[in-house]
Amino acid sequence: MEKREIDEKIVISLQALMNNIKLYDKGHPAIQKSLSELLGLIKPKLEEDGELTITLRSWYLYINGMRIKIKTTNFLQLKNFMELLSEKDIGGIVINQNVKDEEVLLFLELLTKEDLHREDILKLLKENEVQSIHILPLVHSGEIIDPKKRVKQIYFETINLVKQISTTENITQKLFSKFTVGIYYLIDTLKASEGLLLGLTVVKNYDDYLYNHSVNVAILSLSIGVRIGLKSKELLKLGQSALLHDIGMTQIPKDLLVKEGILTSEEWKIVKTHPIIGAEMTMDLVGLNEETADVILAVLEHQKGYDGSGYPDFVNVKPLSLFSRIIQIADFYDAVTTPRIHNPVPMSPAEAMAHLIKNAGKLFDPILSKFFVNLLGIYPLGTLVFLNTGEWGLVIGQPQDRLNIHKPIVLLIKDSTGKDIPRRIVDLSKSDLEIREAESPWKFGIDPAEYFLE
């Protein structure tokens, strides 16, 4: 049976079980049979992917990021299930690998009660100590229709969540659950709109650099994670690691972070403590157990190089954890391409990519580096390019044919004299125009975010 067919049967089985719950008592054979059929479908998926995610987006239903096709044979069941989720303000359901049979039954019982909505169900699940089922809030399709606006909303909401987590002294379970839901949305959006979300990593914010940077690193890290085939459960942990990787920086004196000149050796020693502080803060936040160890380790190791260089000095195990090696690449790329007080003209994205390629196998994991280059291209999003006509352009996309990786999609913004021109998009893989030079847009006073946020 194909994956899409299994996904379709899961929804139909859910609907059948809920119908039986409305008709019979919990111990009735019809309910037990329906429950057994449903579990027979979802348990192999849980074993394979680590979790089952059902997401309602607009009027489509997705299971683990794959859309269920609406057909005449399943239309009624899908329609009823989507309407039920919408009525209860539920945008998604996440069931993890440790779920118990009775927890599934309890959740579906609550879902069938007409007077209960998302907040009520969340409260009752918590009272019954059900931790293996999470409910995501619904994003009403009437509020945001344009996919670009939706992606931008998720991006900036995630920045706000990281800021809350990083600056709140006593983290409540509600806030941490909201943080976790934010990561699920980030993963879901990345799978559906990778190009749009990657485009927002050109956003560089002086005032909220730490939180902006953390979200950019998370998007880039998760993109690598998706490309190398990480399952949903591992993507969640990678997302947590990336968003929290610099949380220790919140405890470093601000005057060191905004200092215009070069740090003294003593000041640098203080800054270099942030991975240790961050690991301690992350441990307080997520606890220490088998499930969270990878997250804590990634926060501790993210400043270590593939060859063992970097800090903290006492971390000398090789190889570093997978999450650490992924985040190290994303962290480097976003940091060196971001203008800072002490470095107002950063590397161009193309320069950063060239540095990454040159040091693959030394500072950076060589295999993950290849995935990263294939993800962003040798002229990444936001690169300012000068064409053979003298025109200026910003890279806004990559060609479909990866053999043309040196011929990106470009938004032409200025003529050969540097004057603004009517903007037009050119796919260089289908044009005679060629790139003569690549620069940092900041060197010429151009903030690429102004073009990507339009």
Protein backbone atom coordinates (compact mmCIF):
# COMPACT_ATOMS: atom_id res chain seq x y z
CA MET A 1 0.00 0.00 0.00
CA GLU A 2 1.42 3.42 -0.98
CA LYS A 3 2.02 6.16 1.63
CA ARG A 4 -0.73 8.41 0.26
CA GLU A 5 -3.20 5.53 0.38
CA ILE A 6 -2.24 4.77 4.00
CA ASP A 7 -2.62 8.47 4.91
CA GLU A 8 -6.08 8.51 3.35
CA LYS A 9 -7.07 5.36 5.29
CA ILE A 10 -5.81 6.93 8.55
CA VAL A 11 -8.24 9.83 8.20
CA ILE A 12 -11.10 7.53 7.20
CA SER A 13 -10.35 5.28 10.21
CA LEU A 14 -10.24 8.28 12.53
CA GLN A 15 -13.63 9.37 11.27
CA ALA A 16 -15.06 5.84 11.64
CA LEU A 17 -13.78 5.51 15.21
CA MET A 18 -15.23 8.89 16.20
CA ASN A 19 -18.58 7.91 14.71
CA ASN A 20 -18.57 4.72 16.82
CA ILE A 21 -17.59 6.70 19.94
CA LYS A 22 -20.74 8.77 19.49
CA LEU A 23 -22.88 5.62 19.24
CA TYR A 24 -21.43 3.16 21.75
CA ASP A 25 -19.85 2.89 25.20
CA LYS A 26 -16.07 2.73 25.43
CA GLY A 27 -15.95 -1.07 25.92
CA HIS A 28 -18.18 -1.90 22.96
CA PRO A 29 -16.63 -4.33 20.41
CA ALA A 30 -17.28 -1.89 17.56
CA ILE A 31 -15.08 0.73 19.24
CA GLN A 32 -12.34 -1.77 20.05
CA LYS A 33 -12.35 -3.00 16.45
CA SER A 34 -12.18 0.55 15.04
CA LEU A 35 -9.40 1.47 17.47
CA SER A 36 -7.43 -1.64 16.50
CA GLU A 37 -7.76 -0.80 12.79
CA LEU A 38 -6.62 2.79 13.37
CA LEU A 39 -3.62 1.78 15.49
CA GLY A 40 -2.67 -0.80 12.87
CA LEU A 41 -2.32 2.07 10.40
CA ILE A 42 -0.60 4.69 12.56
CA LYS A 43 1.85 2.55 14.56
CA PRO A 44 4.05 1.61 11.56
CA LYS A 45 4.13 5.31 10.65
CA LEU A 46 5.12 6.22 14.23
CA GLU A 47 7.91 3.66 14.16
CA GLU A 48 9.18 4.96 10.83
CA ASP A 49 8.88 8.72 11.39
CA GLY A 50 8.86 9.00 15.19
CA GLU A 51 5.57 10.85 15.16
CA LEU A 52 2.38 11.44 13.19
CA THR A 53 1.48 15.02 12.28
CA ILE A 54 -1.93 15.85 10.82
CA THR A 55 -2.11 19.45 9.64
CA LEU A 56 -5.04 21.47 8.32
CA ARG A 57 -3.87 24.25 6.00
CA SER A 58 -6.45 26.22 4.07
CA TRP A 59 -8.75 23.43 2.85
CA TYR A 60 -6.16 20.75 2.52
CA LEU A 61 -5.13 18.05 4.96
CA TYR A 62 -1.51 16.93 5.34
CA ILE A 63 -0.02 13.93 7.11
CA ASN A 64 3.68 14.31 7.95
CA GLY A 65 3.93 17.05 5.32
CA MET A 66 2.28 15.05 2.53
CA ARG A 67 -1.06 16.34 1.21
CA ILE A 68 -3.97 13.92 1.05
CA LYS A 69 -5.58 14.02 -2.37
CA ILE A 70 -9.29 14.71 -2.34
CA LYS A 71 -11.22 12.17 -4.42
CA THR A 72 -14.86 11.29 -4.90
CA THR A 73 -14.32 8.19 -2.72
CA ASN A 74 -12.95 10.10 0.28
CA PHE A 75 -14.46 13.55 -0.13
CA LEU A 76 -17.17 13.19 2.53
CA GLN A 77 -14.85 11.79 5.21
CA LEU A 78 -12.15 14.41 4.58
CA LYS A 79 -14.69 17.21 4.49
CA ASN A 80 -16.26 16.13 7.80
CA PHE A 81 -12.89 15.74 9.51
CA MET A 82 -11.59 19.11 8.28
CA GLU A 83 -14.81 20.84 9.31
CA LEU A 84 -14.55 19.27 12.77
CA LEU A 85 -10.96 20.52 13.22
CA SER A 86 -11.90 23.96 11.95
CA GLU A 87 -14.92 24.23 14.27
CA LYS A 88 -12.74 23.38 17.25
CA ASP A 89 -10.00 25.84 16.21
CA ILE A 90 -7.50 23.01 15.69
CA GLY A 91 -4.90 23.46 12.97
CA GLY A 92 -3.00 20.25 13.58
CA ILE A 93 -2.54 17.14 15.69
CA VAL A 94 0.86 15.70 16.63
CA ILE A 95 1.01 12.16 18.02
CA ASN A 96 4.41 10.94 19.16
CA GLN A 97 5.88 7.47 19.25
CA ASN A 98 5.17 6.86 22.96
CA VAL A 99 1.40 7.27 22.67
CA LYS A 100 -0.75 4.71 24.47
CA ASP A 101 -3.87 3.12 23.03
CA GLU A 102 -6.05 4.58 25.77
CA GLU A 103 -4.63 8.08 25.13
CA VAL A 104 -5.69 7.92 21.48
CA LEU A 105 -9.16 6.83 22.55
CA LEU A 106 -9.42 9.58 25.18
CA PHE A 107 -8.33 12.25 22.71
CA LEU A 108 -10.87 11.17 20.10
CA GLU A 109 -13.60 11.05 22.76
CA LEU A 110 -12.81 14.68 23.63
CA LEU A 111 -12.74 15.59 19.94
CA THR A 112 -16.28 14.27 19.47
CA LYS A 113 -17.78 16.39 22.27
CA GLU A 114 -19.54 19.36 20.67
CA ASP A 115 -19.01 21.75 23.58
CA LEU A 116 -15.23 21.31 23.73
CA HIS A 117 -12.78 23.42 21.73
CA ARG A 118 -9.01 23.40 21.45
CA GLU A 119 -8.25 25.09 24.78
CA ASP A 120 -10.72 22.82 26.60
CA ILE A 121 -9.22 19.70 25.05
CA LEU A 122 -5.69 20.84 25.87
CA LYS A 123 -6.69 21.38 29.50
CA LEU A 124 -8.32 17.94 29.79
CA LEU A 125 -5.35 16.21 28.14
CA LYS A 126 -3.07 17.87 30.65
CA GLU A 127 -5.32 16.86 33.58
CA ASN A 128 -5.15 13.25 32.35
CA GLU A 129 -1.34 13.53 31.99
CA VAL A 130 -1.41 12.90 28.25
CA GLN A 131 1.94 14.21 26.97
CA SER A 132 2.18 12.26 23.73
CA ILE A 133 -0.54 14.17 21.85
CA HIS A 134 -0.17 17.87 20.99
CA ILE A 135 -2.75 20.14 19.38
CA LEU A 136 -1.74 23.03 17.12
CA PRO A 137 -3.88 26.18 16.83
CA LEU A 138 -5.73 26.88 13.61
CA VAL A 139 -4.59 29.68 11.32
CA HIS A 140 -7.82 30.91 9.80
CA SER A 141 -7.58 30.99 6.03
CA GLY A 142 -9.67 34.15 5.94
CA GLU A 143 -7.05 36.04 7.95
CA ILE A 144 -4.11 35.41 5.65
CA ILE A 145 -4.60 34.33 2.07
CA ASP A 146 -1.30 35.25 0.45
CA PRO A 147 1.28 32.46 1.12
CA LYS A 148 4.02 35.10 1.33
CA LYS A 149 2.17 36.88 4.11
CA ARG A 150 1.62 33.61 5.94
CA VAL A 151 5.31 32.71 5.75
CA LYS A 152 6.29 36.18 6.95
CA GLN A 153 3.88 35.89 9.87
CA ILE A 154 5.38 32.56 10.93
CA TYR A 155 8.91 33.97 10.60
CA PHE A 156 8.30 37.00 12.81
CA GLU A 157 6.15 35.07 15.29
CA THR A 158 9.04 32.61 15.72
CA ILE A 159 11.45 35.47 16.42
CA ASN A 160 9.06 36.68 19.12
CA LEU A 161 8.84 33.17 20.62
CA VAL A 162 12.64 32.87 20.82
CA LYS A 163 12.77 36.27 22.48
CA GLN A 164 10.17 35.22 25.05
CA ILE A 165 11.93 31.93 25.80
CA SER A 166 15.33 33.66 26.07
CA THR A 167 14.25 36.52 28.32
CA THR A 168 11.54 35.02 30.56
CA GLU A 169 12.92 33.98 33.96
CA ASN A 170 10.28 31.42 34.89
CA ILE A 171 9.26 29.52 31.75
CA THR A 172 5.71 28.21 32.05
CA GLN A 173 4.61 24.95 30.46
CA LYS A 174 2.22 26.98 28.32
CA LEU A 175 5.06 29.11 26.92
CA PHE A 176 7.26 26.10 26.24
CA SER A 177 4.36 24.32 24.51
CA LYS A 178 3.86 27.43 22.39
CA PHE A 179 7.58 27.38 21.56
CA THR A 180 7.33 23.71 20.52
CA VAL A 181 4.25 24.41 18.39
CA GLY A 182 6.19 27.25 16.74
CA ILE A 183 8.88 24.77 15.68
CA TYR A 184 6.25 22.44 14.24
CA TYR A 185 4.87 25.33 12.20
CA LEU A 186 8.38 26.24 11.05
CA ILE A 187 8.99 22.66 9.87
CA ASP A 188 5.59 22.45 8.18
CA THR A 189 6.10 25.80 6.43
CA LEU A 190 9.59 24.80 5.32
CA LYS A 191 8.27 21.62 3.69
CA ALA A 192 5.50 23.53 1.92
CA SER A 193 7.26 26.82 1.07
CA GLU A 194 11.01 26.30 1.37
CA GLY A 195 11.91 29.05 -1.10
CA LEU A 196 9.78 31.69 0.62
CA LEU A 197 11.10 30.85 4.07
CA LEU A 198 14.73 30.70 2.95
CA GLY A 199 14.23 34.09 1.34
CA LEU A 200 13.47 35.60 4.74
CA THR A 201 16.87 34.56 6.10
CA VAL A 202 18.19 37.70 4.38
CA VAL A 203 16.36 39.69 7.08
CA LYS A 204 19.01 41.15 9.40
CA ASN A 205 17.85 43.09 12.45
CA TYR A 206 20.33 45.16 14.49
CA ASP A 207 18.04 45.57 17.49
CA ASP A 208 16.96 41.93 17.75
CA TYR A 209 20.08 40.39 16.21
CA LEU A 210 20.32 37.47 18.64
CA TYR A 211 16.72 36.32 18.10
CA ASN A 212 16.68 37.12 14.37
CA HIS A 213 19.94 35.20 13.96
CA SER A 214 18.60 32.21 15.92
CA VAL A 215 15.56 31.91 13.66
CA ASN A 216 17.70 32.22 10.51
CA VAL A 217 20.01 29.50 11.83
CA ALA A 218 16.98 27.31 12.59
CA ILE A 219 15.58 27.72 9.06
CA LEU A 220 18.94 26.92 7.46
CA SER A 221 19.56 23.99 9.82
CA LEU A 222 16.10 22.51 9.31
CA SER A 223 16.53 22.87 5.54
CA ILE A 224 19.67 20.73 5.76
CA GLY A 225 17.83 18.32 8.07
CA VAL A 226 15.01 17.89 5.55
CA ARG A 227 17.52 17.41 2.71
CA ILE A 228 19.41 14.64 4.54
CA GLY A 229 16.16 12.86 5.38
CA LEU A 230 15.72 13.44 9.11
CA LYS A 231 12.38 12.21 10.45
CA SER A 232 9.87 14.57 12.07
CA LYS A 233 10.94 13.74 15.63
CA GLU A 234 14.60 14.50 14.83
CA LEU A 235 13.64 17.69 12.98
CA LEU A 236 11.83 18.90 16.10
CA LYS A 237 14.96 18.36 18.21
CA LEU A 238 17.14 19.99 15.55
CA GLY A 239 14.78 22.97 15.51
CA GLN A 240 14.94 23.27 19.31
CA SER A 241 18.74 23.06 19.22
CA ALA A 242 19.08 25.70 16.52
CA LEU A 243 16.64 28.17 18.07
CA LEU A 244 18.34 27.82 21.47
CA HIS A 245 21.96 27.56 20.26
CA ASP A 246 22.84 31.13 21.30
CA ILE A 247 20.60 31.41 24.36
CA GLY A 248 23.73 31.71 26.51
CA MET A 249 24.46 35.03 24.82
CA THR A 250 21.58 36.56 26.80
CA GLN A 251 23.79 36.28 29.90
CA ILE A 252 26.83 37.97 28.33
CA PRO A 253 27.17 41.69 29.23
CA LYS A 254 25.47 43.69 26.50
CA ASP A 255 28.32 46.20 26.27
CA LEU A 256 30.55 43.37 24.99
CA LEU A 257 28.03 42.35 22.35
CA VAL A 258 27.69 45.88 20.97
CA LYS A 259 31.33 46.94 21.33
CA GLU A 260 32.56 48.62 18.16
CA GLY A 261 36.24 47.78 18.56
CA ILE A 262 38.07 44.48 18.91
CA LEU A 263 37.42 42.59 22.14
CA THR A 264 40.30 42.26 24.60
CA SER A 265 41.49 38.76 25.49
CA GLU A 266 39.62 38.95 28.81
CA GLU A 267 36.41 40.11 27.10
CA TRP A 268 36.74 37.33 24.54
CA LYS A 269 37.06 34.78 27.36
CA ILE A 270 33.72 35.97 28.71
CA VAL A 271 32.00 35.71 25.30
CA LYS A 272 33.41 32.21 24.83
CA THR A 273 31.52 31.00 27.90
CA HIS A 274 28.16 31.36 26.13
CA PRO A 275 27.92 27.73 24.87
CA ILE A 276 28.44 26.44 28.44
CA ILE A 277 25.92 28.90 29.87
CA GLY A 278 23.54 28.06 27.02
CA ALA A 279 23.79 24.32 27.67
CA GLU A 280 22.97 24.92 31.36
CA MET A 281 20.00 27.13 30.46
CA THR A 282 18.76 24.59 27.91
CA MET A 283 19.04 21.81 30.50
CA ASP A 284 16.91 23.86 32.89
CA LEU A 285 14.41 24.42 30.10
CA VAL A 286 14.03 20.93 28.62
CA GLY A 287 15.38 18.74 31.43
CA LEU A 288 18.07 16.09 31.05
CA ASN A 289 17.04 12.74 29.63
CA GLU A 290 17.65 10.54 26.62
CA GLU A 291 15.31 12.63 24.46
CA THR A 292 16.85 16.02 25.32
CA ALA A 293 20.55 15.06 25.45
CA ASP A 294 21.07 15.77 21.73
CA VAL A 295 19.59 19.27 22.10
CA ILE A 296 21.80 20.17 25.08
CA LEU A 297 24.89 18.74 23.38
CA ALA A 298 24.26 20.76 20.21
CA VAL A 299 24.02 24.00 22.20
CA LEU A 300 27.29 23.13 23.94
CA GLU A 301 29.17 22.13 20.77
CA HIS A 302 27.94 24.60 18.16
CA GLN A 303 31.15 26.68 18.25
CA LYS A 304 33.40 23.67 17.68
CA GLY A 305 34.88 23.07 14.23
CA TYR A 306 34.77 19.77 12.39
CA ASP A 307 38.53 19.45 13.00
CA GLY A 308 38.17 20.07 16.75
CA SER A 309 39.07 23.76 16.65
CA GLY A 310 36.86 26.33 18.35
CA TYR A 311 35.48 26.32 21.86
CA PRO A 312 34.78 25.21 24.62
CA ASP A 313 38.30 23.74 24.91
CA PHE A 314 37.21 20.81 27.06
CA VAL A 315 34.95 19.47 24.28
CA ASN A 316 37.38 17.28 22.33
CA VAL A 317 35.24 14.35 21.21
CA LYS A 318 35.20 13.49 17.50
CA PRO A 319 33.01 13.37 15.60
CA LEU A 320 30.78 16.07 16.99
CA SER A 321 27.06 15.32 17.15
CA LEU A 322 25.09 15.59 13.91
CA PHE A 323 23.00 18.51 15.17
CA SER A 324 26.17 20.38 16.22
CA ARG A 325 27.74 19.95 12.78
CA ILE A 326 24.58 21.14 11.02
CA ILE A 327 24.10 24.17 13.28
CA GLN A 328 27.78 25.11 13.05
CA ILE A 329 27.46 25.54 9.26
CA ALA A 330 24.20 27.51 9.47
CA ASP A 331 25.52 29.65 12.36
CA PHE A 332 28.70 30.52 10.47
CA TYR A 333 26.87 31.44 7.28
CA ASP A 334 24.26 33.69 8.88
CA ALA A 335 26.75 35.35 11.25
CA VAL A 336 29.32 36.32 8.60
CA THR A 337 26.69 37.64 6.16
CA THR A 338 25.01 39.84 8.78
CA PRO A 339 26.08 43.48 9.28
CA ARG A 340 27.06 44.17 12.88
CA ILE A 341 28.16 47.26 14.79
CA HIS A 342 31.79 46.08 14.67
CA ASN A 343 31.46 44.95 11.03
CA PRO A 344 28.92 47.04 9.07
CA VAL A 345 29.94 45.49 5.72
CA PRO A 346 29.85 41.70 6.14
CA MET A 347 30.91 39.00 3.72
CA SER A 348 28.75 38.65 0.65
CA PRO A 349 26.72 35.42 0.62
CA ALA A 350 28.87 34.24 -2.29
CA GLU A 351 32.08 34.91 -0.32
CA ALA A 352 30.68 33.04 2.68
CA MET A 353 29.82 30.09 0.44
CA ALA A 354 33.30 30.11 -1.11
CA HIS A 355 34.84 30.09 2.39
CA LEU A 356 32.60 27.18 3.35
CA ILE A 357 33.60 25.19 0.25
CA LYS A 358 37.30 25.94 0.82
CA ASN A 359 37.16 24.74 4.44
CA ALA A 360 34.91 21.72 3.97
CA GLY A 361 36.61 18.79 5.65
CA LYS A 362 38.55 21.15 7.95
CA LEU A 363 36.27 23.55 9.77
CA PHE A 364 33.04 22.14 8.35
CA ASP A 365 31.60 18.67 7.84
CA PRO A 366 32.33 17.93 4.14
CA ILE A 367 29.13 16.00 3.42
CA LEU A 368 26.83 18.48 5.15
CA SER A 369 28.69 21.30 3.38
CA LYS A 370 27.74 19.78 0.02
CA PHE A 371 24.09 19.63 1.05
CA PHE A 372 24.29 23.29 2.13
CA VAL A 373 25.83 24.39 -1.17
CA ASN A 374 23.17 22.47 -3.09
CA LEU A 375 20.54 24.15 -0.91
CA LEU A 376 21.65 27.77 -1.40
CA GLY A 377 23.81 27.61 -4.52
CA ILE A 378 27.15 29.34 -5.07
CA TYR A 379 25.26 32.63 -5.39
CA PRO A 380 22.89 32.40 -2.41
CA LEU A 381 19.74 34.44 -1.88
CA GLY A 382 20.50 38.12 -1.27
CA THR A 383 23.78 38.17 -3.20
CA LEU A 384 24.31 41.40 -5.14
CA VAL A 385 25.52 40.55 -8.66
CA PHE A 386 26.83 42.69 -11.50
CA LEU A 387 25.96 41.38 -14.95
CA ASN A 388 27.82 41.59 -18.26
CA THR A 389 25.44 44.43 -19.22
CA GLY A 390 26.54 46.41 -16.16
CA GLU A 391 23.11 46.02 -14.55
CA TRP A 392 22.80 45.30 -10.83
CA GLY A 393 20.72 42.40 -9.58
CA LEU A 394 19.81 40.59 -6.38
CA VAL A 395 19.71 36.80 -6.35
CA ILE A 396 16.16 35.76 -5.41
CA GLY A 397 16.09 32.10 -6.40
CA GLN A 398 17.98 29.10 -7.72
CA PRO A 399 17.53 27.37 -11.10
CA GLN A 400 15.63 24.10 -11.22
CA ASP A 401 18.48 22.41 -13.06
CA ARG A 402 21.29 22.10 -10.52
CA LEU A 403 23.82 21.89 -13.36
CA ASN A 404 23.14 25.61 -13.78
CA ILE A 405 23.94 26.40 -10.14
CA HIS A 406 26.09 29.34 -11.36
CA LYS A 407 23.06 30.85 -13.13
CA PRO A 408 20.54 31.87 -10.45
CA ILE A 409 17.27 33.76 -10.73
CA VAL A 410 17.95 37.47 -10.38
CA LEU A 411 15.86 40.57 -9.68
CA LEU A 412 17.32 43.44 -11.72
CA ILE A 413 17.24 46.65 -9.62
CA LYS A 414 19.71 49.18 -11.10
CA ASP A 415 21.27 50.10 -14.42
CA SER A 416 25.01 50.25 -15.13
CA THR A 417 25.24 53.73 -13.56
CA GLY A 418 23.61 52.58 -10.31
CA LYS A 419 20.27 54.27 -10.98
CA ASP A 420 17.03 52.51 -10.07
CA ILE A 421 15.23 50.82 -12.95
CA PRO A 422 11.81 49.16 -13.26
CA ARG A 423 12.39 45.83 -11.59
CA ARG A 424 12.22 42.66 -13.59
CA ILE A 425 13.06 39.04 -12.84
CA VAL A 426 15.51 37.15 -15.05
CA ASP A 427 16.32 33.44 -14.89
CA LEU A 428 19.97 33.46 -15.94
CA SER A 429 19.81 29.76 -16.82
CA LYS A 430 17.45 30.78 -19.64
CA SER A 431 19.19 34.01 -20.61
CA ASP A 432 22.37 35.23 -22.33
CA LEU A 433 23.08 37.50 -19.35
CA GLU A 434 26.03 36.45 -17.20
CA ILE A 435 27.36 37.30 -13.76
CA ARG A 436 30.63 39.23 -13.88
CA GLU A 437 31.02 39.94 -10.16
CA ALA A 438 29.32 39.25 -6.81
CA GLU A 439 29.38 41.56 -3.80
CA SER A 440 27.82 42.12 -0.41
CA PRO A 441 24.71 44.28 -0.92
CA TRP A 442 25.54 46.10 2.31
CA LYS A 443 28.73 47.46 0.73
CA PHE A 444 26.49 49.53 -1.54
CA GLY A 445 23.92 50.45 1.10
CA ILE A 446 21.39 47.88 -0.12
CA ASP A 447 19.36 45.94 2.42
CA PRO A 448 18.11 42.85 0.56
CA ALA A 449 15.30 42.37 3.07
CA GLU A 450 13.56 45.41 1.59
CA TYR A 451 13.09 43.41 -1.61
CA PHE A 452 12.23 40.08 -0.01
CA LEU A 453 9.66 41.56 2.40
CA GLU A 454 7.67 43.38 -0.28
